[in-house]
Amino acid sequence: MSWTPRRGLTPLPIAVLAAAGAALVALPLAGLALRTPWSKAWAAVASPVALTALRLSLVVATSASVIAFVVGLPLAWVLARSRVPGRTILRGIVVLPLVMPPVVGGVALLTAFGRRGLVGAPLYRLLGVQITFTTGAAILAATFVSFPLMVLALEAGLRAMDLRLEQAAVTLGASRWYVLRRVTLPLLAPQIVAGFVLSWARALGEFGATITFAGNLRGVTQTLPLAVFQELQTDPGGAVALSLSLVAISLAVIVGLRARFLSAP
């Protein structure tokens, strides 16, 4: 008698490996919860340093997501609908920050936007503008690492879209911008939301590129992950409490996308 796959029946080896995979994620989170000094947790999370870092993190993550959308939508359009040569190479370059070590990303940003960088040197020499070690540098670093998530989400939505709907609007006399505002963007709304949430969450947790390119200046570039790192040097309990707060924010993001990530097919 042959075995027939069906829902609800999981072979024992697969169940064991699945449990190991779940434990790989769950155990560190459980460790955070168990090691958090709950009697001091609120004081650590509500401290001026933590609140300043949290406020800056929200500003950086939101700004990075907006910038990623503004420049990511046209790029996603090119990748999804144009026939320009080299699209595969272009897509590879766009996706590269996802697999690039964050510290390497920070070094790359320094070579481009530092005081001696390709763009940073002329800016500093001609206009006296220094990008590094500013809040703008933290936003740029967060945008760099989160940008691919926005582009990939928008490109997937544009590829899946039925072009006949846009073509029908054109045949009825709609202008290109009217079609974009009233047809394309509304149809793309789920992917826009997904891109915003994913890029925002990635920007919120950015550490390596930020500390390399923007530094760790309290109130200027010290986001919450950087505050956790600094707190870990002097107060491990406080660092655990701050880490748990970041986990809570990330969990809230996932719950917000529960229809996309958590619902069973």
C-alpha atoms as a PDB file:
ATOM      1  CA  MET A   1       0.000   0.000   0.000  1.00  0.00           C
ATOM      2  CA  SER A   2       1.512   3.312  -1.063  1.00  0.00           C
ATOM      3  CA  TRP A   3       1.682   6.321   1.260  1.00  0.00           C
ATOM      4  CA  THR A   4      -0.562   9.235   0.277  1.00  0.00           C
ATOM      5  CA  PRO A   5       0.415  12.726   1.491  1.00  0.00           C
ATOM      6  CA  ARG A   6      -2.394  14.584   3.240  1.00  0.00           C
ATOM      7  CA  ARG A   7      -2.847  17.412   5.672  1.00  0.00           C
ATOM      8  CA  GLY A   8      -2.741  16.635   9.381  1.00  0.00           C
ATOM      9  CA  LEU A   9      -0.321  13.700   9.066  1.00  0.00           C
ATOM     10  CA  THR A  10       3.347  14.523   9.748  1.00  0.00           C
ATOM     11  CA  PRO A  11       6.022  11.782   9.609  1.00  0.00           C
ATOM     12  CA  LEU A  12       8.045  11.491  12.816  1.00  0.00           C
ATOM     13  CA  PRO A  13      11.448  12.536  11.333  1.00  0.00           C
ATOM     14  CA  ILE A  14       9.893  15.689   9.872  1.00  0.00           C
ATOM     15  CA  ALA A  15       8.151  16.451  13.162  1.00  0.00           C
ATOM     16  CA  VAL A  16      11.425  16.092  15.085  1.00  0.00           C
ATOM     17  CA  LEU A  17      13.321  18.353  12.696  1.00  0.00           C
ATOM     18  CA  ALA A  18      10.453  20.850  12.702  1.00  0.00           C
ATOM     19  CA  ALA A  19      10.561  20.949  16.506  1.00  0.00           C
ATOM     20  CA  ALA A  20      14.318  21.547  16.362  1.00  0.00           C
ATOM     21  CA  GLY A  21      13.788  24.413  13.912  1.00  0.00           C
ATOM     22  CA  ALA A  22      11.135  25.996  16.118  1.00  0.00           C
ATOM     23  CA  ALA A  23      13.388  25.614  19.170  1.00  0.00           C
ATOM     24  CA  LEU A  24      16.223  27.329  17.317  1.00  0.00           C
ATOM     25  CA  VAL A  25      14.105  30.485  17.216  1.00  0.00           C
ATOM     26  CA  ALA A  26      12.108  30.059  20.413  1.00  0.00           C
ATOM     27  CA  LEU A  27      14.940  29.291  22.838  1.00  0.00           C
ATOM     28  CA  PRO A  28      16.817  32.611  22.415  1.00  0.00           C
ATOM     29  CA  LEU A  29      13.535  34.479  22.812  1.00  0.00           C
ATOM     30  CA  ALA A  30      12.735  32.449  25.910  1.00  0.00           C
ATOM     31  CA  GLY A  31      16.207  33.259  27.211  1.00  0.00           C
ATOM     32  CA  LEU A  32      15.507  36.969  26.821  1.00  0.00           C
ATOM     33  CA  ALA A  33      12.238  36.659  28.713  1.00  0.00           C
ATOM     34  CA  LEU A  34      13.747  34.566  31.515  1.00  0.00           C
ATOM     35  CA  ARG A  35      16.871  36.706  31.902  1.00  0.00           C
ATOM     36  CA  THR A  36      15.077  40.038  31.914  1.00  0.00           C
ATOM     37  CA  PRO A  37      15.298  41.669  35.373  1.00  0.00           C
ATOM     38  CA  TRP A  38      11.596  42.483  35.507  1.00  0.00           C
ATOM     39  CA  SER A  39      11.938  44.541  38.666  1.00  0.00           C
ATOM     40  CA  LYS A  40      14.250  46.935  36.782  1.00  0.00           C
ATOM     41  CA  ALA A  41      12.857  46.449  33.292  1.00  0.00           C
ATOM     42  CA  TRP A  42      10.571  49.462  33.263  1.00  0.00           C
ATOM     43  CA  ALA A  43      13.312  51.736  34.595  1.00  0.00           C
ATOM     44  CA  ALA A  44      15.638  50.554  31.815  1.00  0.00           C
ATOM     45  CA  VAL A  45      13.057  50.907  29.045  1.00  0.00           C
ATOM     46  CA  ALA A  46      11.773  54.284  30.297  1.00  0.00           C
ATOM     47  CA  SER A  47      15.207  55.792  30.906  1.00  0.00           C
ATOM     48  CA  PRO A  48      16.078  59.001  29.034  1.00  0.00           C
ATOM     49  CA  VAL A  49      18.732  57.164  27.009  1.00  0.00           C
ATOM     50  CA  ALA A  50      16.298  54.456  25.922  1.00  0.00           C
ATOM     51  CA  LEU A  51      13.484  56.873  25.104  1.00  0.00           C
ATOM     52  CA  THR A  52      15.804  59.110  23.090  1.00  0.00           C
ATOM     53  CA  ALA A  53      17.139  56.095  21.201  1.00  0.00           C
ATOM     54  CA  LEU A  54      13.617  54.795  20.587  1.00  0.00           C
ATOM     55  CA  ARG A  55      12.419  58.151  19.293  1.00  0.00           C
ATOM     56  CA  LEU A  56      15.412  58.388  16.960  1.00  0.00           C
ATOM     57  CA  SER A  57      14.849  54.804  15.800  1.00  0.00           C
ATOM     58  CA  LEU A  58      11.267  55.594  14.856  1.00  0.00           C
ATOM     59  CA  VAL A  59      12.355  58.716  12.947  1.00  0.00           C
ATOM     60  CA  VAL A  60      15.146  56.839  11.156  1.00  0.00           C
ATOM     61  CA  ALA A  61      13.037  53.794  10.261  1.00  0.00           C
ATOM     62  CA  THR A  62      10.091  55.867   9.028  1.00  0.00           C
ATOM     63  CA  SER A  63      12.281  58.215   6.988  1.00  0.00           C
ATOM     64  CA  ALA A  64      14.167  55.287   5.471  1.00  0.00           C
ATOM     65  CA  SER A  65      10.912  53.572   4.459  1.00  0.00           C
ATOM     66  CA  VAL A  66       9.556  56.730   2.811  1.00  0.00           C
ATOM     67  CA  ILE A  67      12.776  57.280   0.868  1.00  0.00           C
ATOM     68  CA  ALA A  68      12.870  53.614  -0.126  1.00  0.00           C
ATOM     69  CA  PHE A  69       9.338  53.888  -1.507  1.00  0.00           C
ATOM     70  CA  VAL A  70       9.907  57.147  -3.391  1.00  0.00           C
ATOM     71  CA  VAL A  71      12.970  55.851  -5.230  1.00  0.00           C
ATOM     72  CA  GLY A  72      12.061  52.160  -5.061  1.00  0.00           C
ATOM     73  CA  LEU A  73       8.778  52.356  -6.976  1.00  0.00           C
ATOM     74  CA  PRO A  74      10.364  53.680 -10.197  1.00  0.00           C
ATOM     75  CA  LEU A  75      13.157  51.122  -9.909  1.00  0.00           C
ATOM     76  CA  ALA A  76      10.673  48.301  -9.311  1.00  0.00           C
ATOM     77  CA  TRP A  77       8.765  49.519 -12.383  1.00  0.00           C
ATOM     78  CA  VAL A  78      11.929  49.274 -14.492  1.00  0.00           C
ATOM     79  CA  LEU A  79      12.709  45.785 -13.180  1.00  0.00           C
ATOM     80  CA  ALA A  80       9.167  44.512 -13.670  1.00  0.00           C
ATOM     81  CA  ARG A  81       8.050  46.127 -16.913  1.00  0.00           C
ATOM     82  CA  SER A  82      10.910  47.546 -18.928  1.00  0.00           C
ATOM     83  CA  ARG A  83      13.141  45.744 -21.382  1.00  0.00           C
ATOM     84  CA  VAL A  84      16.319  47.645 -20.700  1.00  0.00           C
ATOM     85  CA  PRO A  85      19.443  45.492 -21.053  1.00  0.00           C
ATOM     86  CA  GLY A  86      21.147  44.368 -17.895  1.00  0.00           C
ATOM     87  CA  ARG A  87      18.012  44.027 -15.765  1.00  0.00           C
ATOM     88  CA  THR A  88      19.355  40.842 -14.168  1.00  0.00           C
ATOM     89  CA  ILE A  89      22.567  42.583 -13.152  1.00  0.00           C
ATOM     90  CA  LEU A  90      20.597  45.582 -11.893  1.00  0.00           C
ATOM     91  CA  ARG A  91      18.359  43.341  -9.794  1.00  0.00           C
ATOM     92  CA  GLY A  92      21.406  41.613  -8.363  1.00  0.00           C
ATOM     93  CA  ILE A  93      22.901  44.961  -7.350  1.00  0.00           C
ATOM     94  CA  VAL A  94      19.616  46.017  -5.727  1.00  0.00           C
ATOM     95  CA  VAL A  95      19.354  42.780  -3.745  1.00  0.00           C
ATOM     96  CA  LEU A  96      23.021  42.802  -2.695  1.00  0.00           C
ATOM     97  CA  PRO A  97      22.498  44.724   0.604  1.00  0.00           C
ATOM     98  CA  LEU A  98      20.322  41.826   1.800  1.00  0.00           C
ATOM     99  CA  VAL A  99      23.267  39.422   1.745  1.00  0.00           C
ATOM    100  CA  MET A 100      26.092  41.909   2.316  1.00  0.00           C
ATOM    101  CA  PRO A 101      27.480  41.983   5.882  1.00  0.00           C
ATOM    102  CA  PRO A 102      26.128  45.189   7.471  1.00  0.00           C
ATOM    103  CA  VAL A 103      29.604  46.368   8.474  1.00  0.00           C
ATOM    104  CA  VAL A 104      30.707  46.021   4.860  1.00  0.00           C
ATOM    105  CA  GLY A 105      27.679  48.095   3.902  1.00  0.00           C
ATOM    106  CA  GLY A 106      28.810  50.764   6.349  1.00  0.00           C
ATOM    107  CA  VAL A 107      32.310  50.781   4.870  1.00  0.00           C
ATOM    108  CA  ALA A 108      30.809  51.038   1.376  1.00  0.00           C
ATOM    109  CA  LEU A 109      28.739  54.020   2.489  1.00  0.00           C
ATOM    110  CA  LEU A 110      31.873  55.650   3.882  1.00  0.00           C
ATOM    111  CA  THR A 111      33.674  55.257   0.556  1.00  0.00           C
ATOM    112  CA  ALA A 112      30.744  56.912  -1.210  1.00  0.00           C
ATOM    113  CA  PHE A 113      29.469  59.526   1.252  1.00  0.00           C
ATOM    114  CA  GLY A 114      32.315  60.020   3.717  1.00  0.00           C
ATOM    115  CA  ARG A 115      34.348  63.246   3.745  1.00  0.00           C
ATOM    116  CA  ARG A 116      36.757  61.611   1.294  1.00  0.00           C
ATOM    117  CA  GLY A 117      34.119  59.613  -0.559  1.00  0.00           C
ATOM    118  CA  LEU A 118      33.007  59.773  -4.151  1.00  0.00           C
ATOM    119  CA  VAL A 119      30.050  62.011  -3.325  1.00  0.00           C
ATOM    120  CA  GLY A 120      30.953  63.155   0.178  1.00  0.00           C
ATOM    121  CA  ALA A 121      34.228  64.826  -0.800  1.00  0.00           C
ATOM    122  CA  PRO A 122      32.691  67.242  -3.358  1.00  0.00           C
ATOM    123  CA  LEU A 123      29.816  67.983  -0.987  1.00  0.00           C
ATOM    124  CA  TYR A 124      32.187  68.857   1.828  1.00  0.00           C
ATOM    125  CA  ARG A 125      34.610  70.788  -0.352  1.00  0.00           C
ATOM    126  CA  LEU A 126      32.034  72.846  -2.245  1.00  0.00           C
ATOM    127  CA  LEU A 127      29.174  73.181   0.240  1.00  0.00           C
ATOM    128  CA  GLY A 128      30.716  72.311   3.587  1.00  0.00           C
ATOM    129  CA  VAL A 129      28.184  69.500   4.016  1.00  0.00           C
ATOM    130  CA  GLN A 130      29.273  66.476   6.049  1.00  0.00           C
ATOM    131  CA  ILE A 131      26.964  63.468   5.955  1.00  0.00           C
ATOM    132  CA  THR A 132      28.777  61.112   8.309  1.00  0.00           C
ATOM    133  CA  PHE A 133      28.007  61.161  12.044  1.00  0.00           C
ATOM    134  CA  THR A 134      24.667  62.898  11.544  1.00  0.00           C
ATOM    135  CA  THR A 135      21.067  61.763  11.791  1.00  0.00           C
ATOM    136  CA  GLY A 136      20.981  61.906   7.995  1.00  0.00           C
ATOM    137  CA  ALA A 137      23.785  59.343   7.931  1.00  0.00           C
ATOM    138  CA  ALA A 138      21.761  57.014  10.158  1.00  0.00           C
ATOM    139  CA  ILE A 139      18.779  57.405   7.815  1.00  0.00           C
ATOM    140  CA  LEU A 140      20.973  56.754   4.771  1.00  0.00           C
ATOM    141  CA  ALA A 141      22.425  53.604   6.353  1.00  0.00           C
ATOM    142  CA  ALA A 142      18.957  52.320   7.252  1.00  0.00           C
ATOM    143  CA  THR A 143      17.705  53.087   3.746  1.00  0.00           C
ATOM    144  CA  PHE A 144      20.625  51.222   2.199  1.00  0.00           C
ATOM    145  CA  VAL A 145      19.945  47.989   4.069  1.00  0.00           C
ATOM    146  CA  SER A 146      16.131  48.094   3.863  1.00  0.00           C
ATOM    147  CA  PHE A 147      15.785  49.311   0.278  1.00  0.00           C
ATOM    148  CA  PRO A 148      15.853  45.826  -1.350  1.00  0.00           C
ATOM    149  CA  LEU A 149      12.816  44.680   0.645  1.00  0.00           C
ATOM    150  CA  MET A 150      10.769  47.575  -0.672  1.00  0.00           C
ATOM    151  CA  VAL A 151      11.866  47.069  -4.278  1.00  0.00           C
ATOM    152  CA  LEU A 152      11.263  43.311  -4.239  1.00  0.00           C
ATOM    153  CA  ALA A 153       7.777  43.718  -2.764  1.00  0.00           C
ATOM    154  CA  LEU A 154       6.797  46.368  -5.312  1.00  0.00           C
ATOM    155  CA  GLU A 155       8.309  44.446  -8.220  1.00  0.00           C
ATOM    156  CA  ALA A 156       6.372  41.312  -7.255  1.00  0.00           C
ATOM    157  CA  GLY A 157       3.158  43.332  -7.134  1.00  0.00           C
ATOM    158  CA  LEU A 158       3.776  44.958 -10.505  1.00  0.00           C
ATOM    159  CA  ARG A 159       4.556  41.607 -12.119  1.00  0.00           C
ATOM    160  CA  ALA A 160       1.373  40.049 -10.749  1.00  0.00           C
ATOM    161  CA  MET A 161      -0.843  42.963 -11.793  1.00  0.00           C
ATOM    162  CA  ASP A 162      -3.273  42.495 -14.673  1.00  0.00           C
ATOM    163  CA  LEU A 163      -2.138  45.001 -17.300  1.00  0.00           C
ATOM    164  CA  ARG A 164      -5.528  44.853 -18.999  1.00  0.00           C
ATOM    165  CA  LEU A 165      -7.013  46.975 -16.228  1.00  0.00           C
ATOM    166  CA  GLU A 166      -4.558  49.771 -16.918  1.00  0.00           C
ATOM    167  CA  GLN A 167      -5.004  49.357 -20.667  1.00  0.00           C
ATOM    168  CA  ALA A 168      -8.773  49.628 -20.265  1.00  0.00           C
ATOM    169  CA  ALA A 169      -8.376  52.913 -18.414  1.00  0.00           C
ATOM    170  CA  VAL A 170      -6.146  54.246 -21.203  1.00  0.00           C
ATOM    171  CA  THR A 171      -8.673  53.299 -23.892  1.00  0.00           C
ATOM    172  CA  LEU A 172     -11.296  55.271 -21.957  1.00  0.00           C
ATOM    173  CA  GLY A 173      -9.139  58.370 -22.248  1.00  0.00           C
ATOM    174  CA  ALA A 174      -7.331  58.365 -18.906  1.00  0.00           C
ATOM    175  CA  SER A 175      -3.946  60.062 -18.807  1.00  0.00           C
ATOM    176  CA  ARG A 176      -0.811  58.271 -17.683  1.00  0.00           C
ATOM    177  CA  TRP A 177      -0.794  59.998 -14.282  1.00  0.00           C
ATOM    178  CA  TYR A 178      -4.514  59.348 -13.768  1.00  0.00           C
ATOM    179  CA  VAL A 179      -3.962  55.650 -14.429  1.00  0.00           C
ATOM    180  CA  LEU A 180      -1.079  55.636 -11.977  1.00  0.00           C
ATOM    181  CA  ARG A 181      -3.080  57.369  -9.219  1.00  0.00           C
ATOM    182  CA  ARG A 182      -6.465  55.719  -9.694  1.00  0.00           C
ATOM    183  CA  VAL A 183      -5.619  52.265 -11.045  1.00  0.00           C
ATOM    184  CA  THR A 184      -2.008  51.185 -10.555  1.00  0.00           C
ATOM    185  CA  LEU A 185      -1.338  52.405  -7.022  1.00  0.00           C
ATOM    186  CA  PRO A 186      -4.665  51.175  -5.582  1.00  0.00           C
ATOM    187  CA  LEU A 187      -4.070  47.728  -7.110  1.00  0.00           C
ATOM    188  CA  LEU A 188      -0.535  47.789  -5.741  1.00  0.00           C
ATOM    189  CA  ALA A 189      -1.654  48.835  -2.244  1.00  0.00           C
ATOM    190  CA  PRO A 190      -1.114  45.428  -0.519  1.00  0.00           C
ATOM    191  CA  GLN A 191       2.446  45.224  -1.834  1.00  0.00           C
ATOM    192  CA  ILE A 192       3.078  48.854  -0.867  1.00  0.00           C
ATOM    193  CA  VAL A 193       1.967  48.124   2.688  1.00  0.00           C
ATOM    194  CA  ALA A 194       4.086  44.958   2.815  1.00  0.00           C
ATOM    195  CA  GLY A 195       7.106  46.827   1.454  1.00  0.00           C
ATOM    196  CA  PHE A 196       6.675  49.632   3.980  1.00  0.00           C
ATOM    197  CA  VAL A 197       6.337  47.285   6.935  1.00  0.00           C
ATOM    198  CA  LEU A 198       9.222  45.023   5.938  1.00  0.00           C
ATOM    199  CA  SER A 199      11.604  47.868   5.127  1.00  0.00           C
ATOM    200  CA  TRP A 200      10.541  49.732   8.286  1.00  0.00           C
ATOM    201  CA  ALA A 201      11.204  46.689  10.450  1.00  0.00           C
ATOM    202  CA  ARG A 202      14.576  46.080   8.797  1.00  0.00           C
ATOM    203  CA  ALA A 203      15.552  49.732   9.239  1.00  0.00           C
ATOM    204  CA  LEU A 204      14.461  49.651  12.879  1.00  0.00           C
ATOM    205  CA  GLY A 205      16.837  46.790  13.651  1.00  0.00           C
ATOM    206  CA  GLU A 206      19.840  48.053  11.667  1.00  0.00           C
ATOM    207  CA  PHE A 207      23.106  48.085  13.596  1.00  0.00           C
ATOM    208  CA  GLY A 208      26.288  47.351  11.629  1.00  0.00           C
ATOM    209  CA  ALA A 209      26.019  49.868   8.812  1.00  0.00           C
ATOM    210  CA  THR A 210      24.769  52.555  11.199  1.00  0.00           C
ATOM    211  CA  ILE A 211      27.567  52.281  13.752  1.00  0.00           C
ATOM    212  CA  THR A 212      30.191  52.119  10.981  1.00  0.00           C
ATOM    213  CA  PHE A 213      28.902  54.992   8.874  1.00  0.00           C
ATOM    214  CA  ALA A 214      27.010  57.207  11.344  1.00  0.00           C
ATOM    215  CA  GLY A 215      28.661  56.407  14.661  1.00  0.00           C
ATOM    216  CA  ASN A 216      27.041  55.974  18.049  1.00  0.00           C
ATOM    217  CA  LEU A 217      26.252  59.520  19.179  1.00  0.00           C
ATOM    218  CA  ARG A 218      23.501  59.806  21.756  1.00  0.00           C
ATOM    219  CA  GLY A 219      20.552  61.812  20.475  1.00  0.00           C
ATOM    220  CA  VAL A 220      22.059  62.074  16.992  1.00  0.00           C
ATOM    221  CA  THR A 221      22.782  58.607  15.604  1.00  0.00           C
ATOM    222  CA  GLN A 222      22.270  56.248  18.556  1.00  0.00           C
ATOM    223  CA  THR A 223      19.267  54.165  17.596  1.00  0.00           C
ATOM    224  CA  LEU A 224      17.800  51.553  19.915  1.00  0.00           C
ATOM    225  CA  PRO A 225      20.001  48.656  18.672  1.00  0.00           C
ATOM    226  CA  LEU A 226      23.080  50.814  19.275  1.00  0.00           C
ATOM    227  CA  ALA A 227      21.776  51.718  22.728  1.00  0.00           C
ATOM    228  CA  VAL A 228      21.403  47.983  23.467  1.00  0.00           C
ATOM    229  CA  PHE A 229      25.017  47.421  22.416  1.00  0.00           C
ATOM    230  CA  GLN A 230      26.279  50.252  24.617  1.00  0.00           C
ATOM    231  CA  GLU A 231      24.132  49.164  27.556  1.00  0.00           C
ATOM    232  CA  LEU A 232      25.524  45.646  27.236  1.00  0.00           C
ATOM    233  CA  GLN A 233      28.975  46.954  28.176  1.00  0.00           C
ATOM    234  CA  THR A 234      27.853  48.384  31.515  1.00  0.00           C
ATOM    235  CA  ASP A 235      24.430  46.944  32.407  1.00  0.00           C
ATOM    236  CA  PRO A 236      23.671  43.537  30.835  1.00  0.00           C
ATOM    237  CA  GLY A 237      20.291  43.398  32.549  1.00  0.00           C
ATOM    238  CA  GLY A 238      19.278  46.713  31.042  1.00  0.00           C
ATOM    239  CA  ALA A 239      20.499  45.534  27.644  1.00  0.00           C
ATOM    240  CA  VAL A 240      18.289  42.443  27.930  1.00  0.00           C
ATOM    241  CA  ALA A 241      15.287  44.603  28.807  1.00  0.00           C
ATOM    242  CA  LEU A 242      15.913  46.900  25.842  1.00  0.00           C
ATOM    243  CA  SER A 243      16.359  43.875  23.585  1.00  0.00           C
ATOM    244  CA  LEU A 244      13.019  42.533  24.750  1.00  0.00           C
ATOM    245  CA  SER A 245      11.387  45.847  23.876  1.00  0.00           C
ATOM    246  CA  LEU A 246      12.771  45.563  20.342  1.00  0.00           C
ATOM    247  CA  VAL A 247      11.408  42.023  20.143  1.00  0.00           C
ATOM    248  CA  ALA A 248       8.000  43.346  21.217  1.00  0.00           C
ATOM    249  CA  ILE A 249       8.058  45.992  18.479  1.00  0.00           C
ATOM    250  CA  SER A 250       9.077  43.398  15.885  1.00  0.00           C
ATOM    251  CA  LEU A 251       6.325  41.067  17.066  1.00  0.00           C
ATOM    252  CA  ALA A 252       3.806  43.873  16.714  1.00  0.00           C
ATOM    253  CA  VAL A 253       4.958  44.329  13.109  1.00  0.00           C
ATOM    254  CA  ILE A 254       4.494  40.626  12.387  1.00  0.00           C
ATOM    255  CA  VAL A 255       1.046  40.636  13.981  1.00  0.00           C
ATOM    256  CA  GLY A 256       0.197  43.631  11.815  1.00  0.00           C
ATOM    257  CA  LEU A 257       0.999  41.476   8.771  1.00  0.00           C
ATOM    258  CA  ARG A 258      -0.658  38.363  10.156  1.00  0.00           C
ATOM    259  CA  ALA A 259      -2.819  37.971   7.062  1.00  0.00           C
ATOM    260  CA  ARG A 260       0.344  37.655   4.955  1.00  0.00           C
ATOM    261  CA  PHE A 261       2.691  35.702   7.230  1.00  0.00           C
ATOM    262  CA  LEU A 262       0.669  33.927   9.898  1.00  0.00           C
ATOM    263  CA  SER A 263      -2.512  32.749   8.214  1.00  0.00           C
ATOM    264  CA  ALA A 264      -2.657  29.142   7.109  1.00  0.00           C
ATOM    265  CA  PRO A 265      -3.254  28.561   3.389  1.00  0.00           C
END
